[in-house]
């Protein structure tokens, strides 16, 4: 049932793609974020409701499906944040280091 929860989250993510594509064309980033947040919330809840009504039967199944949904979302958020994170390497590391550390090494 947890794998079905993961699959349902992936369906909800795929259902957001048209909203992402159309909001990406807007020139106002604030309005774009607002539209994305609103459509993501409605899409997620719609998919979740349909999933619970059609697939889930009982509280144990609902619990495991919820764990699967949460796990998929957690992995996605962590992967997205790690993709945006960059370690200072090489020349960037020298630029990023505070002046006090450079003086103590000399």
Protein backbone atom coordinates (compact mmCIF):
# COMPACT_ATOMS: atom_id res chain seq x y z
CA UNK A 1 0.00 0.00 0.00
CA UNK A 2 2.96 2.33 0.63
CA UNK A 3 4.07 1.85 -2.97
CA UNK A 4 0.60 2.81 -4.13
CA UNK A 5 0.94 5.96 -2.00
CA UNK A 6 4.20 6.76 -3.78
CA UNK A 7 2.51 6.14 -7.12
CA UNK A 8 -0.39 8.43 -6.17
CA UNK A 9 2.06 11.21 -5.27
CA UNK A 10 3.78 10.78 -8.62
CA UNK A 11 0.40 11.09 -10.35
CA UNK A 12 -0.25 14.30 -8.39
CA UNK A 13 3.17 15.61 -9.41
CA UNK A 14 2.48 14.81 -13.06
CA UNK A 15 -0.91 16.51 -12.82
CA UNK A 16 0.86 19.75 -11.88
CA UNK A 17 2.88 19.88 -15.10
CA UNK A 18 0.35 21.91 -17.14
CA UNK A 19 0.15 24.51 -14.36
CA UNK A 20 3.95 24.63 -14.15
CA UNK A 21 4.24 25.16 -17.88
CA UNK A 22 1.69 27.94 -18.03
CA UNK A 23 2.87 29.71 -14.86
CA UNK A 24 6.44 29.62 -16.14
CA UNK A 25 5.43 31.92 -18.98
CA UNK A 26 4.28 34.70 -16.64
CA UNK A 27 6.61 37.64 -16.20
CA UNK A 28 5.59 38.38 -12.60
CA UNK A 29 7.35 35.82 -10.33
CA UNK A 30 5.10 36.57 -7.35
CA UNK A 31 1.95 35.89 -9.35
CA UNK A 32 3.53 32.77 -10.79
CA UNK A 33 4.31 31.41 -7.30
CA UNK A 34 0.77 32.17 -6.15
CA UNK A 35 -0.76 30.33 -9.11
CA UNK A 36 1.57 27.38 -8.62
CA UNK A 37 0.78 27.12 -4.91
CA UNK A 38 -2.96 27.26 -5.50
CA UNK A 39 -2.96 24.73 -8.32
CA UNK A 40 -0.57 22.40 -6.51
CA UNK A 41 -2.77 22.36 -3.43
CA UNK A 42 -5.95 21.68 -5.39
CA UNK A 43 -4.28 19.04 -7.55
CA UNK A 44 -2.70 17.24 -4.58
CA UNK A 45 -5.93 17.15 -2.61
CA UNK A 46 -7.96 16.03 -5.63
CA UNK A 47 -5.59 13.16 -6.38
CA UNK A 48 -5.41 12.23 -2.70
CA UNK A 49 -9.20 12.18 -2.37
CA UNK A 50 -9.63 10.09 -5.52
CA UNK A 51 -6.91 7.71 -4.33
CA UNK A 52 -8.52 7.24 -0.92
CA UNK A 53 -12.01 6.77 -2.38
CA UNK A 54 -10.94 4.32 -5.09
CA UNK A 55 -7.96 2.40 -3.74
CA UNK A 56 -7.79 2.60 0.05
CA UNK A 57 -10.02 0.39 2.18
CA UNK A 58 -9.57 0.67 5.93
CA UNK A 59 -7.50 2.68 8.32
CA UNK A 60 -4.37 0.50 8.09
CA UNK A 61 -4.32 0.87 4.31
CA UNK A 62 -4.83 4.62 4.63
CA UNK A 63 -1.95 4.85 7.10
CA UNK A 64 0.46 2.98 4.82
CA UNK A 65 -0.67 4.91 1.76
CA UNK A 66 -0.05 8.14 3.70
CA UNK A 67 3.44 6.95 4.63
CA UNK A 68 4.17 6.21 0.98
CA UNK A 69 2.88 9.62 -0.08
CA UNK A 70 4.97 11.36 2.59
CA UNK A 71 8.07 9.35 1.71
CA UNK A 72 7.81 10.26 -1.97
CA UNK A 73 7.34 13.92 -1.13
CA UNK A 74 10.26 13.89 1.32
CA UNK A 75 12.62 12.29 -1.19
CA UNK A 76 11.57 14.80 -3.85
CA UNK A 77 12.12 17.81 -1.55
CA UNK A 78 15.51 16.56 -0.35
CA UNK A 79 16.65 15.80 -3.91
CA UNK A 80 15.50 19.23 -5.08
CA UNK A 81 17.33 20.98 -2.27
CA UNK A 82 20.51 18.97 -2.82
CA UNK A 83 20.42 19.79 -6.53
CA UNK A 84 20.34 23.50 -5.68
CA UNK A 85 23.10 23.20 -3.09
CA UNK A 86 26.70 23.61 -4.23
CA UNK A 87 29.85 22.92 -2.28
CA UNK A 88 32.53 25.59 -2.63
CA UNK A 89 35.25 23.77 -4.56
CA UNK A 90 38.61 24.98 -5.81
CA UNK A 91 38.73 28.67 -6.57
CA UNK A 92 35.28 29.28 -5.11
CA UNK A 93 36.43 27.85 -1.78
CA UNK A 94 39.29 30.35 -1.62
CA UNK A 95 36.93 33.21 -2.33
CA UNK A 96 34.35 32.00 0.20
CA UNK A 97 36.81 31.58 3.07
CA UNK A 98 36.86 34.35 5.65
CA UNK A 99 39.87 36.63 5.77
CA UNK A 100 40.79 35.53 9.30
CA UNK A 101 41.35 31.92 8.14
CA UNK A 102 43.66 33.00 5.33
CA UNK A 103 45.80 35.10 7.67
CA UNK A 104 46.17 32.31 10.23
CA UNK A 105 47.53 29.96 7.55
CA UNK A 106 50.35 32.31 6.53
